[in-house]
């Protein structure tokens, strides 16, 4: 996945929980807003509310000449000016902020951390990037984001939103190396991933299998390589919900409710207009989709990455290059790949279909080889 494509995913997550159904500022869930991934000023956190002023994201990167670049993205919620002629309600609207992380070599970061700061209005944030060389060609990368904003002691959370980093995300891209999955690390790197500590975020790989150059740290728990459903017409600010359900609920709003949604926030207004413009066919598509399996074809070069807990012979073949000889389907509809392994002297027999020289794996256990 390109970095731009990963940004689109981050953009959706950035607004998770920003405004919730029924998308009216007067509804209780939108009057008492608790932004996800919020980093509050340290003075407010010191009052014992259990809130955080900093997050930490750690990663394992392989490659002796690896470097990283990226950005920290968050929302600054600023109270808009009242517009009595439109009957606007009190509301904090989002301004998107980002702190760019220019390309940094991990070897240099192991000698000294890099810091970047952002000051805008009453908000002051700092990003610190550092690395530790665990062994030759393997680094532990750390990204820390801190809210350094000063504020007067107060108990009203809403008063602090303009100097709060809301929905803080870290997006990183690696060049000259690879990120290691923290959910399913290879056996030889489990010791390195086990010492990674994350505070206030959850890092996952983003992109196609076998391409491990982009990592996203989000306050939302995800799986590796998350995707946005192609059937989704746009953001409902609640990506964990079902688009079909929210579409039907929005279409039931009355005239008075619709009027308030239109006045609440420009994003809520666009959501309402987009949903009401959907035709019957587009709504029907939201009911579900049957996607063809992500198949590899015979002759494709792959690298074997067996899942943990499999057969002993499978684990012996971990990391070996192979070629898909055929694609088989069992009686339960599952697809299996018969491969011949490059290091097997009898691989020609495997290509002829002879037993003992063909090895079977599922799709998740094979990575396309360059």
Protein backbone atom coordinates (compact mmCIF):
# COMPACT_ATOMS: atom_id res chain seq x y z
CA UNK A 1 0.00 0.00 0.00
CA UNK A 2 1.29 3.46 -0.86
CA UNK A 3 1.67 6.01 1.89
CA UNK A 4 -1.15 8.07 0.32
CA UNK A 5 -3.50 5.05 0.47
CA UNK A 6 -2.57 4.49 4.12
CA UNK A 7 -3.41 8.14 4.80
CA UNK A 8 -6.95 7.54 3.53
CA UNK A 9 -7.39 4.82 6.14
CA UNK A 10 -5.94 7.09 8.82
CA UNK A 11 -8.30 9.86 7.70
CA UNK A 12 -11.34 7.65 8.41
CA UNK A 13 -10.03 6.64 11.83
CA UNK A 14 -9.17 10.25 12.64
CA UNK A 15 -12.87 11.12 12.83
CA UNK A 16 -14.01 7.99 14.66
CA UNK A 17 -16.51 9.16 17.30
CA UNK A 18 -16.31 12.80 16.20
CA UNK A 19 -20.10 13.19 15.89
CA UNK A 20 -22.47 10.28 16.54
CA UNK A 21 -25.97 9.34 15.46
CA UNK A 22 -28.42 11.13 15.50
CA UNK A 23 -25.70 13.67 14.51
CA UNK A 24 -27.33 16.51 16.45
CA UNK A 25 -25.28 18.71 18.75
CA UNK A 26 -28.12 18.66 21.30
CA UNK A 27 -28.04 14.87 21.74
CA UNK A 28 -26.43 13.76 25.01
CA UNK A 29 -23.64 11.75 23.35
CA UNK A 30 -22.64 14.85 21.33
CA UNK A 31 -22.94 17.30 24.24
CA UNK A 32 -20.57 15.30 26.45
CA UNK A 33 -17.77 14.52 24.02
CA UNK A 34 -14.89 12.29 25.06
CA UNK A 35 -12.62 12.21 22.00
CA UNK A 36 -10.79 8.95 21.30
CA UNK A 37 -7.03 9.08 21.60
CA UNK A 38 -7.13 12.45 23.37
CA UNK A 39 -3.99 13.88 24.96
CA UNK A 40 -4.92 16.58 27.47
CA UNK A 41 -2.71 19.30 29.00
CA UNK A 42 -0.49 17.90 31.80
CA UNK A 43 -2.02 20.21 34.43
CA UNK A 44 -5.47 18.77 33.77
CA UNK A 45 -4.17 15.18 33.91
CA UNK A 46 -2.47 15.93 37.25
CA UNK A 47 -5.92 16.57 38.81
CA UNK A 48 -6.49 12.82 38.88
CA UNK A 49 -9.12 12.37 36.16
CA UNK A 50 -7.27 9.38 34.73
CA UNK A 51 -6.54 11.15 31.45
CA UNK A 52 -3.23 11.03 29.58
CA UNK A 53 -1.03 13.80 28.24
CA UNK A 54 1.30 11.53 26.19
CA UNK A 55 1.36 8.36 24.14
CA UNK A 56 4.11 5.95 23.14
CA UNK A 57 4.32 3.67 20.12
CA UNK A 58 7.15 1.13 19.71
CA UNK A 59 8.03 -0.94 16.66
CA UNK A 60 10.59 -3.49 15.51
CA UNK A 61 12.35 -2.64 12.25
CA UNK A 62 14.71 -4.94 10.37
CA UNK A 63 17.34 -3.75 7.90
CA UNK A 64 20.81 -2.40 8.60
CA UNK A 65 20.22 0.69 6.43
CA UNK A 66 16.58 1.30 7.39
CA UNK A 67 15.10 4.78 7.72
CA UNK A 68 11.63 6.02 8.61
CA UNK A 69 9.44 8.99 7.84
CA UNK A 70 5.84 9.76 8.68
CA UNK A 71 3.51 12.04 10.55
CA UNK A 72 1.45 12.48 13.68
CA UNK A 73 -2.16 13.41 12.94
CA UNK A 74 -4.76 14.72 15.35
CA UNK A 75 -7.76 17.03 15.63
CA UNK A 76 -7.88 20.35 17.44
CA UNK A 77 -11.48 21.06 18.48
CA UNK A 78 -12.15 24.79 18.42
CA UNK A 79 -15.42 26.45 19.43
CA UNK A 80 -16.91 28.11 16.40
CA UNK A 81 -18.45 31.54 16.38
CA UNK A 82 -22.16 31.58 17.01
CA UNK A 83 -24.33 32.36 14.01
CA UNK A 84 -27.76 33.31 15.41
CA UNK A 85 -29.22 33.84 11.94
CA UNK A 86 -28.72 30.13 11.25
CA UNK A 87 -29.74 29.06 14.72
CA UNK A 88 -26.40 27.34 15.29
CA UNK A 89 -25.88 25.47 18.55
CA UNK A 90 -22.69 25.57 20.66
CA UNK A 91 -20.19 23.24 19.03
CA UNK A 92 -16.46 22.57 18.83
CA UNK A 93 -15.48 21.94 15.22
CA UNK A 94 -12.37 20.05 14.16
CA UNK A 95 -9.25 21.53 12.62
CA UNK A 96 -6.95 18.84 11.26
CA UNK A 97 -3.37 19.14 12.48
CA UNK A 98 -0.28 17.18 11.51
CA UNK A 99 3.33 17.06 12.61
CA UNK A 100 5.59 15.85 9.81
CA UNK A 101 8.43 13.46 10.62
CA UNK A 102 11.13 13.91 7.98
CA UNK A 103 13.15 10.86 6.91
CA UNK A 104 15.39 9.66 9.73
CA UNK A 105 17.99 6.88 9.63
CA UNK A 106 17.58 4.39 12.47
CA UNK A 107 21.37 4.23 12.88
CA UNK A 108 21.35 7.99 13.59
CA UNK A 109 18.37 7.71 15.95
CA UNK A 110 20.27 5.08 17.95
CA UNK A 111 22.90 7.78 18.62
CA UNK A 112 20.41 10.49 19.60
CA UNK A 113 16.68 11.18 19.51
CA UNK A 114 15.01 13.62 17.10
CA UNK A 115 12.32 16.01 18.34
CA UNK A 116 9.72 18.04 16.44
CA UNK A 117 7.39 20.60 18.02
CA UNK A 118 4.18 22.32 16.97
CA UNK A 119 2.74 25.46 18.56
CA UNK A 120 -0.54 26.86 17.28
CA UNK A 121 -2.92 29.07 19.25
CA UNK A 122 -3.06 27.64 22.79
CA UNK A 123 -1.82 24.20 21.73
CA UNK A 124 1.78 23.01 22.15
CA UNK A 125 2.79 19.47 21.11
CA UNK A 126 6.09 17.63 20.86
CA UNK A 127 7.09 14.43 19.03
CA UNK A 128 10.21 12.51 20.03
CA UNK A 129 11.59 9.75 17.78
CA UNK A 130 14.34 7.43 19.03
CA UNK A 131 15.74 3.95 18.39
CA UNK A 132 17.72 1.23 20.13
CA UNK A 133 19.76 -1.35 18.22
CA UNK A 134 18.75 -4.71 19.67
CA UNK A 135 21.17 -6.66 17.49
CA UNK A 136 22.76 -6.29 14.07
CA UNK A 137 20.10 -5.16 11.60
CA UNK A 138 17.27 -5.06 14.16
CA UNK A 139 16.13 -1.85 15.87
CA UNK A 140 13.38 -1.00 18.31
CA UNK A 141 11.85 2.28 17.17
CA UNK A 142 10.00 4.50 19.63
CA UNK A 143 7.68 7.43 18.83
CA UNK A 144 6.41 9.54 21.73
CA UNK A 145 3.80 12.28 21.42
CA UNK A 146 3.35 14.76 24.26
CA UNK A 147 0.89 17.55 24.92
CA UNK A 148 2.87 20.41 26.49
CA UNK A 149 0.01 22.94 26.46
CA UNK A 150 -0.43 25.09 29.53
CA UNK A 151 -3.88 25.59 31.03
CA UNK A 152 -5.52 27.02 34.10
CA UNK A 153 -6.91 24.50 36.62
CA UNK A 154 -10.47 23.64 35.63
CA UNK A 155 -12.91 20.77 35.81
CA UNK A 156 -14.76 21.33 32.53
CA UNK A 157 -13.33 19.06 29.87
CA UNK A 158 -14.98 21.03 27.07
CA UNK A 159 -12.99 24.15 28.01
CA UNK A 160 -9.76 22.26 27.28
CA UNK A 161 -10.64 20.94 23.83
CA UNK A 162 -8.81 23.75 21.97
CA UNK A 163 -5.53 22.76 23.69
CA UNK A 164 -6.13 18.99 23.47
CA UNK A 165 -4.72 16.59 20.86
CA UNK A 166 -7.86 14.64 19.91
CA UNK A 167 -7.79 11.34 18.01
CA UNK A 168 -4.00 11.17 17.91
CA UNK A 169 -2.59 8.80 15.25
CA UNK A 170 0.97 7.97 14.19
CA UNK A 171 1.61 6.91 10.59
CA UNK A 172 5.09 5.64 9.63
CA UNK A 173 6.77 4.42 6.46
CA UNK A 174 10.02 2.47 6.36
CA UNK A 175 12.63 2.61 3.58
CA UNK A 176 15.50 0.15 3.28
CA UNK A 177 13.95 -2.22 5.80
CA UNK A 178 10.72 -3.78 7.07
CA UNK A 179 8.38 -3.38 10.01
CA UNK A 180 7.66 -6.55 11.97
CA UNK A 181 4.10 -7.53 12.82
CA UNK A 182 3.55 -7.14 16.55
CA UNK A 183 0.49 -9.39 16.40
CA UNK A 184 2.12 -12.30 14.58
CA UNK A 185 5.90 -11.85 14.74
CA UNK A 186 8.19 -14.52 13.29
CA UNK A 187 9.68 -16.86 15.88
CA UNK A 188 13.17 -15.38 15.56
CA UNK A 189 11.92 -11.89 16.46
CA UNK A 190 9.48 -12.69 19.25
CA UNK A 191 11.97 -11.61 21.92
CA UNK A 192 12.30 -8.20 20.24
CA UNK A 193 8.55 -7.64 19.83
CA UNK A 194 7.81 -8.83 23.38
CA UNK A 195 9.65 -5.84 24.90
CA UNK A 196 7.74 -3.27 22.83
CA UNK A 197 5.53 -1.16 25.09
CA UNK A 198 2.61 0.92 23.82
CA UNK A 199 0.75 3.58 25.76
CA UNK A 200 -2.52 4.95 24.39
CA UNK A 201 -2.22 3.39 20.93
CA UNK A 202 -2.21 0.08 19.04
CA UNK A 203 0.25 -0.37 16.12
CA UNK A 204 -0.65 -2.54 13.11
CA UNK A 205 0.77 -3.18 9.67
CA UNK A 206 -1.04 -1.50 6.77
CA UNK A 207 -0.96 -2.71 3.17
CA UNK A 208 -0.87 -5.88 1.11
CA UNK A 209 0.58 -9.15 2.46
CA UNK A 210 4.31 -9.33 1.93
CA UNK A 211 4.73 -5.54 1.86
CA UNK A 212 5.65 -4.45 5.38
CA UNK A 213 6.72 -0.83 4.92
CA UNK A 214 3.79 1.06 6.51
CA UNK A 215 2.66 1.01 10.14
CA UNK A 216 -0.31 2.78 11.73
CA UNK A 217 -0.66 3.42 15.47
CA UNK A 218 -4.26 4.18 16.37
CA UNK A 219 -6.18 4.55 19.65
CA UNK A 220 -8.53 1.93 18.19
CA UNK A 221 -7.60 -1.77 18.37
CA UNK A 222 -7.30 -3.13 14.83
CA UNK A 223 -5.95 -6.21 13.09
CA UNK A 224 -2.99 -6.14 10.71
CA UNK A 225 -3.78 -4.77 7.23
CA UNK A 226 -7.22 -3.23 7.89
CA UNK A 227 -9.26 -2.07 4.92
CA UNK A 228 -12.16 0.26 4.20
CA UNK A 229 -15.07 -1.62 2.63
CA UNK A 230 -15.44 -0.62 -1.02
CA UNK A 231 -19.24 -0.53 -0.61
CA UNK A 232 -19.10 2.30 1.95
CA UNK A 233 -20.30 5.58 0.44
CA UNK A 234 -18.57 7.67 3.08
CA UNK A 235 -17.79 8.12 6.75
CA UNK A 236 -20.49 7.79 9.41
CA UNK A 237 -17.92 8.66 12.12
CA UNK A 238 -18.50 5.22 13.62
CA UNK A 239 -16.47 2.74 11.55
CA UNK A 240 -17.28 -0.08 13.95
CA UNK A 241 -20.96 0.14 13.05
CA UNK A 242 -22.72 -1.21 9.95
CA UNK A 243 -23.20 1.33 7.16
CA UNK A 244 -26.55 -0.18 6.19
CA UNK A 245 -27.96 0.23 9.69
CA UNK A 246 -26.80 3.83 10.05
CA UNK A 247 -28.05 4.69 6.55
CA UNK A 248 -31.55 3.44 7.36
CA UNK A 249 -31.52 5.25 10.71
CA UNK A 250 -30.48 8.55 9.12
CA UNK A 251 -33.30 8.24 6.61
CA UNK A 252 -35.81 8.09 9.48
CA UNK A 253 -34.83 11.51 10.90
CA UNK A 254 -37.70 13.98 11.03
CA UNK A 255 -37.70 17.47 9.55
CA UNK A 256 -36.80 19.18 12.85
CA UNK A 257 -33.95 16.72 13.49
CA UNK A 258 -32.67 17.16 9.94
CA UNK A 259 -32.62 20.90 10.41
CA UNK A 260 -30.49 20.59 13.53
CA UNK A 261 -28.10 18.15 11.84
CA UNK A 262 -27.62 20.69 9.06
CA UNK A 263 -26.66 23.31 11.65
CA UNK A 264 -24.45 21.11 13.83
CA UNK A 265 -21.35 20.63 11.71
CA UNK A 266 -20.39 20.84 8.02
CA UNK A 267 -19.33 17.18 8.11
CA UNK A 268 -22.67 16.11 9.59
CA UNK A 269 -24.44 18.16 6.92
CA UNK A 270 -22.51 16.42 4.13
CA UNK A 271 -23.27 13.02 5.72
CA UNK A 272 -26.99 13.78 5.69
CA UNK A 273 -26.98 15.07 2.11
CA UNK A 274 -24.93 12.10 0.88
CA UNK A 275 -27.20 9.57 2.60
CA UNK A 276 -30.42 11.12 1.31
CA UNK A 277 -29.01 11.10 -2.23
CA UNK A 278 -28.43 7.33 -2.21
CA UNK A 279 -30.64 5.40 -4.59
CA UNK A 280 -32.33 2.07 -3.84
CA UNK A 281 -29.60 0.12 -5.66
CA UNK A 282 -26.82 1.78 -3.63
CA UNK A 283 -28.64 1.04 -0.37
CA UNK A 284 -29.14 -2.59 -1.41
CA UNK A 285 -25.37 -2.94 -1.98
CA UNK A 286 -24.83 -2.09 1.70
CA UNK A 287 -26.68 -5.25 2.73
CA UNK A 288 -23.62 -7.41 2.15
CA UNK A 289 -20.98 -8.46 -0.32
CA UNK A 290 -19.54 -11.76 -1.42
CA UNK A 291 -15.92 -11.23 -2.39
CA UNK A 292 -13.90 -13.77 -4.37
CA UNK A 293 -11.01 -15.29 -2.46
CA UNK A 294 -7.63 -13.62 -2.81
CA UNK A 295 -6.11 -16.42 -4.87
CA UNK A 296 -2.56 -16.86 -6.11
CA UNK A 297 -2.09 -18.67 -9.41
CA UNK A 298 0.03 -21.67 -10.29
CA UNK A 299 3.59 -20.67 -11.11
CA UNK A 300 3.64 -17.77 -8.62
CA UNK A 301 6.83 -17.41 -6.60
CA UNK A 302 6.19 -17.25 -2.84
CA UNK A 303 7.93 -17.27 0.51
CA UNK A 304 6.60 -19.70 3.12
CA UNK A 305 5.39 -18.14 6.39
CA UNK A 306 3.57 -20.93 8.28
CA UNK A 307 1.26 -20.03 11.13
CA UNK A 308 2.27 -20.89 14.66
CA UNK A 309 0.89 -24.14 16.01
CA UNK A 310 1.10 -25.92 12.64
CA UNK A 311 2.92 -29.10 11.76
CA UNK A 312 6.61 -29.45 12.59
CA UNK A 313 7.60 -29.87 8.93
CA UNK A 314 5.81 -26.64 8.04
CA UNK A 315 7.86 -24.76 10.61
CA UNK A 316 11.09 -26.24 9.19
CA UNK A 317 10.17 -24.66 5.84
CA UNK A 318 9.57 -21.18 7.31
CA UNK A 319 11.22 -18.51 5.18
CA UNK A 320 11.98 -20.82 2.25
CA UNK A 321 11.27 -19.75 -1.33
CA UNK A 322 8.80 -21.91 -3.25
CA UNK A 323 6.68 -22.07 -6.40
CA UNK A 324 2.96 -22.80 -6.48
CA UNK A 325 2.42 -26.03 -8.42
CA UNK A 326 -1.39 -26.08 -8.19
CA UNK A 327 -4.38 -24.61 -6.37
CA UNK A 328 -6.69 -27.15 -4.74
CA UNK A 329 -10.14 -26.84 -3.12
CA UNK A 330 -11.35 -29.27 -0.44
CA UNK A 331 -14.91 -30.46 0.22
CA UNK A 332 -15.48 -27.58 2.67
CA UNK A 333 -14.69 -24.97 0.02
CA UNK A 334 -11.28 -24.04 1.43
CA UNK A 335 -8.40 -23.32 -0.94
CA UNK A 336 -4.96 -24.91 -0.49
CA UNK A 337 -1.75 -24.28 -2.36
CA UNK A 338 0.52 -27.14 -3.33
CA UNK A 339 4.05 -25.76 -3.53
CA UNK A 340 7.46 -27.09 -4.48
CA UNK A 341 10.33 -25.79 -2.39
CA UNK A 342 13.46 -24.43 -4.08
CA UNK A 343 15.82 -26.12 -1.61
CA UNK A 344 14.24 -29.58 -2.20
CA UNK A 345 16.44 -31.69 -4.54
CA UNK A 346 13.30 -33.59 -5.57
CA UNK A 347 11.22 -30.54 -6.51
CA UNK A 348 10.91 -31.83 -10.10
CA UNK A 349 9.01 -34.81 -8.71
CA UNK A 350 6.75 -32.38 -6.86
CA UNK A 351 5.96 -30.57 -10.13
CA UNK A 352 4.92 -33.96 -11.54
CA UNK A 353 2.49 -34.40 -8.65
CA UNK A 354 4.50 -37.05 -6.84
CA UNK A 355 3.87 -37.33 -3.07
CA UNK A 356 6.56 -36.32 -0.61
CA UNK A 357 7.76 -33.33 -2.64
CA UNK A 358 4.63 -31.15 -2.59
CA UNK A 359 3.69 -29.21 0.52
CA UNK A 360 0.27 -27.68 1.22
CA UNK A 361 -0.37 -24.26 2.75
CA UNK A 362 -3.29 -21.87 2.94
CA UNK A 363 -3.25 -18.32 1.55
CA UNK A 364 -2.29 -16.66 4.83
CA UNK A 365 0.87 -18.76 5.04
CA UNK A 366 2.33 -17.63 1.69
CA UNK A 367 3.84 -14.24 0.88
CA UNK A 368 4.40 -13.20 -2.75
CA UNK A 369 8.16 -13.23 -3.38
CA UNK A 370 9.82 -10.41 -5.33
